[in-house]
C-alpha atoms as a PDB file:
ATOM      1  CA  MET A   1     119.095 105.937 102.083  1.00  0.00           C
ATOM      2  CA  GLU A   2     120.611 102.656 101.764  1.00  0.00           C
ATOM      3  CA  ILE A   3     118.952  99.580 103.399  1.00  0.00           C
ATOM      4  CA  LYS A   4     121.425  96.949 102.359  1.00  0.00           C
ATOM      5  CA  GLY A   5     123.914  96.543 105.184  1.00  0.00           C
ATOM      6  CA  SER A   6     122.352  99.060 107.472  1.00  0.00           C
ATOM      7  CA  ALA A   7     120.990  98.788 111.018  1.00  0.00           C
ATOM      8  CA  ALA A   8     117.284  99.930 111.557  1.00  0.00           C
ATOM      9  CA  LEU A   9     114.794 100.405 114.262  1.00  0.00           C
ATOM     10  CA  VAL A  10     110.968  99.855 113.665  1.00  0.00           C
ATOM     11  CA  THR A  11     108.750 100.909 116.589  1.00  0.00           C
ATOM     12  CA  GLY A  12     105.539  98.833 116.986  1.00  0.00           C
ATOM     13  CA  ALA A  13     107.354  96.018 115.145  1.00  0.00           C
ATOM     14  CA  ASN A  14     105.362  92.958 116.609  1.00  0.00           C
ATOM     15  CA  ARG A  15     102.444  93.053 114.323  1.00  0.00           C
ATOM     16  CA  GLY A  16     100.684  94.862 111.344  1.00  0.00           C
ATOM     17  CA  ILE A  17     102.422  97.342 109.382  1.00  0.00           C
ATOM     18  CA  GLY A  18     105.382  97.546 111.848  1.00  0.00           C
ATOM     19  CA  ARG A  19     105.992  93.882 111.427  1.00  0.00           C
ATOM     20  CA  ALA A  20     105.789  94.321 107.723  1.00  0.00           C
ATOM     21  CA  PHE A  21     108.386  97.107 107.731  1.00  0.00           C
ATOM     22  CA  ALA A  22     110.590  94.887 109.814  1.00  0.00           C
ATOM     23  CA  ARG A  23     110.180  91.987 107.436  1.00  0.00           C
ATOM     24  CA  ALA A  24     110.860  94.290 104.380  1.00  0.00           C
ATOM     25  CA  LEU A  25     114.001  95.721 105.915  1.00  0.00           C
ATOM     26  CA  VAL A  26     115.289  92.133 106.458  1.00  0.00           C
ATOM     27  CA  ASP A  27     114.413  91.124 103.019  1.00  0.00           C
ATOM     28  CA  HIS A  28     116.090  94.050 101.436  1.00  0.00           C
ATOM     29  CA  GLY A  29     119.413  93.366 103.200  1.00  0.00           C
ATOM     30  CA  ALA A  30     119.418  95.270 106.438  1.00  0.00           C
ATOM     31  CA  LYS A  31     122.240  93.786 108.520  1.00  0.00           C
ATOM     32  CA  LYS A  32     120.296  94.297 111.893  1.00  0.00           C
ATOM     33  CA  VAL A  33     116.620  95.217 112.461  1.00  0.00           C
ATOM     34  CA  TYR A  34     115.631  96.067 116.015  1.00  0.00           C
ATOM     35  CA  ALA A  35     112.014  95.468 116.764  1.00  0.00           C
ATOM     36  CA  GLY A  36     110.976  98.258 119.307  1.00  0.00           C
ATOM     37  CA  VAL A  37     107.991  96.855 121.188  1.00  0.00           C
ATOM     38  CA  ARG A  38     106.539  96.898 124.721  1.00  0.00           C
ATOM     39  CA  ASP A  39     106.757  93.193 125.150  1.00  0.00           C
ATOM     40  CA  PRO A  40     109.867  91.572 123.561  1.00  0.00           C
ATOM     41  CA  GLY A  41     108.480  88.224 124.076  1.00  0.00           C
ATOM     42  CA  GLY A  42     105.673  88.939 121.662  1.00  0.00           C
ATOM     43  CA  VAL A  43     108.099  89.223 118.624  1.00  0.00           C
ATOM     44  CA  ARG A  44     107.814  86.158 116.510  1.00  0.00           C
ATOM     45  CA  ASP A  45     110.515  86.686 113.992  1.00  0.00           C
ATOM     46  CA  SER A  46     113.982  85.258 114.786  1.00  0.00           C
ATOM     47  CA  ASP A  47     115.942  87.362 112.494  1.00  0.00           C
ATOM     48  CA  VAL A  48     115.049  90.585 114.339  1.00  0.00           C
ATOM     49  CA  VAL A  49     116.360  91.985 117.571  1.00  0.00           C
ATOM     50  CA  PRO A  50     113.653  92.513 120.077  1.00  0.00           C
ATOM     51  CA  VAL A  51     114.188  95.673 122.122  1.00  0.00           C
ATOM     52  CA  ARG A  52     111.738  96.660 124.930  1.00  0.00           C
ATOM     53  CA  LEU A  53     110.495 100.119 123.951  1.00  0.00           C
ATOM     54  CA  ASP A  54     107.354 101.850 125.328  1.00  0.00           C
ATOM     55  CA  VAL A  55     107.278 105.173 123.457  1.00  0.00           C
ATOM     56  CA  THR A  56     105.309 106.925 126.363  1.00  0.00           C
ATOM     57  CA  ASP A  57     108.171 106.233 128.769  1.00  0.00           C
ATOM     58  CA  GLU A  58     111.174 108.408 128.473  1.00  0.00           C
ATOM     59  CA  ARG A  59     113.434 105.978 130.243  1.00  0.00           C
ATOM     60  CA  SER A  60     112.376 103.257 128.017  1.00  0.00           C
ATOM     61  CA  VAL A  61     112.969 105.389 124.918  1.00  0.00           C
ATOM     62  CA  ALA A  62     116.437 106.352 126.244  1.00  0.00           C
ATOM     63  CA  ALA A  63     117.325 102.698 127.064  1.00  0.00           C
ATOM     64  CA  ALA A  64     116.419 101.728 123.372  1.00  0.00           C
ATOM     65  CA  ALA A  65     118.435 104.447 121.984  1.00  0.00           C
ATOM     66  CA  ALA A  66     121.342 103.192 124.094  1.00  0.00           C
ATOM     67  CA  ILE A  67     120.883  99.617 122.757  1.00  0.00           C
ATOM     68  CA  ALA A  68     120.301 100.570 119.072  1.00  0.00           C
ATOM     69  CA  GLY A  69     122.945 103.208 118.843  1.00  0.00           C
ATOM     70  CA  ASP A  70     124.151 101.851 115.622  1.00  0.00           C
ATOM     71  CA  VAL A  71     120.888 102.606 113.490  1.00  0.00           C
ATOM     72  CA  SER A  72     120.815 104.616 110.443  1.00  0.00           C
ATOM     73  CA  ILE A  73     117.071 104.107 109.741  1.00  0.00           C
ATOM     74  CA  VAL A  74     114.279 104.701 112.329  1.00  0.00           C
ATOM     75  CA  ILE A  75     110.753 103.867 111.247  1.00  0.00           C
ATOM     76  CA  ASN A  76     108.546 105.575 113.973  1.00  0.00           C
ATOM     77  CA  ASN A  77     105.611 103.294 113.493  1.00  0.00           C
ATOM     78  CA  ALA A  78     104.091 102.635 116.919  1.00  0.00           C
ATOM     79  CA  GLY A  79     100.603 104.010 117.256  1.00  0.00           C
ATOM     80  CA  VAL A  80      97.126 103.529 118.773  1.00  0.00           C
ATOM     81  CA  GLY A  81      93.527 104.522 117.742  1.00  0.00           C
ATOM     82  CA  GLY A  82      91.524 107.077 119.651  1.00  0.00           C
ATOM     83  CA  ALA A  83      89.574 104.265 121.552  1.00  0.00           C
ATOM     84  CA  GLY A  84      86.272 105.340 120.219  1.00  0.00           C
ATOM     85  CA  THR A  85      86.604 109.083 121.153  1.00  0.00           C
ATOM     86  CA  THR A  86      84.910 111.476 118.635  1.00  0.00           C
ATOM     87  CA  LEU A  87      84.254 115.079 118.966  1.00  0.00           C
ATOM     88  CA  MET A  88      80.959 114.617 120.843  1.00  0.00           C
ATOM     89  CA  GLU A  89      81.040 111.111 122.243  1.00  0.00           C
ATOM     90  CA  GLY A  90      83.420 109.003 124.392  1.00  0.00           C
ATOM     91  CA  THR A  91      85.890 109.824 127.153  1.00  0.00           C
ATOM     92  CA  PHE A  92      88.903 111.929 126.885  1.00  0.00           C
ATOM     93  CA  GLU A  93      91.086 109.182 128.167  1.00  0.00           C
ATOM     94  CA  GLY A  94      91.217 107.347 124.965  1.00  0.00           C
ATOM     95  CA  ALA A  95      92.212 110.639 123.267  1.00  0.00           C
ATOM     96  CA  ARG A  96      94.882 111.260 125.937  1.00  0.00           C
ATOM     97  CA  GLN A  97      96.335 107.892 125.350  1.00  0.00           C
ATOM     98  CA  ALA A  98      96.202 108.478 121.450  1.00  0.00           C
ATOM     99  CA  MET A  99      98.159 111.859 122.031  1.00  0.00           C
ATOM    100  CA  GLU A 100     100.687 110.124 124.288  1.00  0.00           C
ATOM    101  CA  VAL A 101     101.496 107.453 121.883  1.00  0.00           C
ATOM    102  CA  ASN A 102     100.902 109.061 118.522  1.00  0.00           C
ATOM    103  CA  TYR A 103     102.235 112.424 119.070  1.00  0.00           C
ATOM    104  CA  PHE A 104     104.491 112.777 122.261  1.00  0.00           C
ATOM    105  CA  GLY A 105     105.790 109.107 121.862  1.00  0.00           C
ATOM    106  CA  THR A 106     106.737 109.630 118.321  1.00  0.00           C
ATOM    107  CA  TRP A 107     108.358 112.982 119.290  1.00  0.00           C
ATOM    108  CA  ALA A 108     110.279 111.296 122.144  1.00  0.00           C
ATOM    109  CA  VAL A 109     111.670 108.611 119.629  1.00  0.00           C
ATOM    110  CA  ALA A 110     112.592 111.304 116.919  1.00  0.00           C
ATOM    111  CA  ARG A 111     114.387 113.297 119.608  1.00  0.00           C
ATOM    112  CA  ALA A 112     116.278 110.261 121.174  1.00  0.00           C
ATOM    113  CA  PHE A 113     117.419 109.026 117.794  1.00  0.00           C
ATOM    114  CA  ALA A 114     118.195 112.272 115.938  1.00  0.00           C
ATOM    115  CA  PRO A 115     121.884 112.520 117.309  1.00  0.00           C
ATOM    116  CA  ILE A 116     122.370 108.765 116.455  1.00  0.00           C
ATOM    117  CA  LEU A 117     121.085 109.370 112.898  1.00  0.00           C
ATOM    118  CA  ALA A 118     123.229 112.565 112.537  1.00  0.00           C
ATOM    119  CA  ARG A 119     126.204 110.440 113.438  1.00  0.00           C
ATOM    120  CA  THR A 120     125.297 107.231 111.497  1.00  0.00           C
ATOM    121  CA  ALA A 121     123.364 108.500 108.625  1.00  0.00           C
ATOM    122  CA  GLY A 122     124.875 112.077 108.189  1.00  0.00           C
ATOM    123  CA  GLU A 123     121.380 113.799 108.133  1.00  0.00           C
ATOM    124  CA  PRO A 124     118.988 113.197 110.920  1.00  0.00           C
ATOM    125  CA  TRP A 125     115.594 111.979 109.545  1.00  0.00           C
ATOM    126  CA  SER A 126     112.734 110.250 111.387  1.00  0.00           C
ATOM    127  CA  THR A 127     110.314 108.265 109.253  1.00  0.00           C
ATOM    128  CA  CYS A 128     106.781 108.276 110.659  1.00  0.00           C
ATOM    129  CA  CYS A 129     104.517 105.810 109.161  1.00  0.00           C
ATOM    130  CA  ARG A 130     101.457 104.672 111.284  1.00  0.00           C
ATOM    131  CA  SER A 131      98.146 103.028 110.504  1.00  0.00           C
ATOM    132  CA  HIS A 132      96.559 105.365 113.096  1.00  0.00           C
ATOM    133  CA  PRO A 133      97.293 108.969 112.397  1.00  0.00           C
ATOM    134  CA  GLY A 134      97.495 111.475 115.174  1.00  0.00           C
ATOM    135  CA  PRO A 135      95.467 114.600 115.525  1.00  0.00           C
ATOM    136  CA  ALA A 136      93.998 116.184 112.520  1.00  0.00           C
ATOM    137  CA  GLY A 137      95.250 113.284 110.425  1.00  0.00           C
ATOM    138  CA  ARG A 138      98.979 114.141 111.053  1.00  0.00           C
ATOM    139  CA  SER A 139     101.184 111.137 111.673  1.00  0.00           C
ATOM    140  CA  CYS A 140     104.003 112.910 113.514  1.00  0.00           C
ATOM    141  CA  PRO A 141     105.118 116.250 114.966  1.00  0.00           C
ATOM    142  CA  ALA A 142     108.096 116.535 112.633  1.00  0.00           C
ATOM    143  CA  THR A 143     109.522 114.149 109.913  1.00  0.00           C
ATOM    144  CA  ARG A 144     112.710 116.090 109.266  1.00  0.00           C
ATOM    145  CA  LEU A 145     114.798 116.827 112.385  1.00  0.00           C
ATOM    146  CA  ARG A 146     116.950 119.939 112.294  1.00  0.00           C
ATOM    147  CA  ARG A 147     120.110 120.277 114.313  1.00  0.00           C
ATOM    148  CA  PRO A 148     119.857 122.961 116.868  1.00  0.00           C
ATOM    149  CA  ARG A 149     121.792 126.083 115.727  1.00  0.00           C
ATOM    150  CA  SER A 150     124.837 126.841 117.552  1.00  0.00           C
ATOM    151  CA  GLY A 151     124.458 129.593 120.159  1.00  0.00           C
ATOM    152  CA  HIS A 152     120.700 129.211 120.277  1.00  0.00           C
END
């Protein structure tokens, strides 16, 4: 994967590790870095392109894919903690939100950007790097995206 001269999308890029990924891409010569965030006004860095992206909203994911159709790198970083829900304590609402963001949201971004990556990078990959792993410590449903087989 070549970073220099590439276009990239980082989800959850407004703070923490997501912002660090976006900064590293800029520092390593990416020509354009899209910062996929729920609130574009919260993006502090002027050398990234803020893109409204709520990974739990399919229309938002599709709109982000339409805007960032030139990317050859996707860092699927958006994530949340389980809001204090453990096996025996807490409400299921926090766990449901974590699943929506960390599992289904990551999957939605990977699915939306797979055709773009296949076109721009030649081989569809989605890099999932989150500080809040999903269920059973897994960070995303699939890191390598396979093209559908013809006729299936």
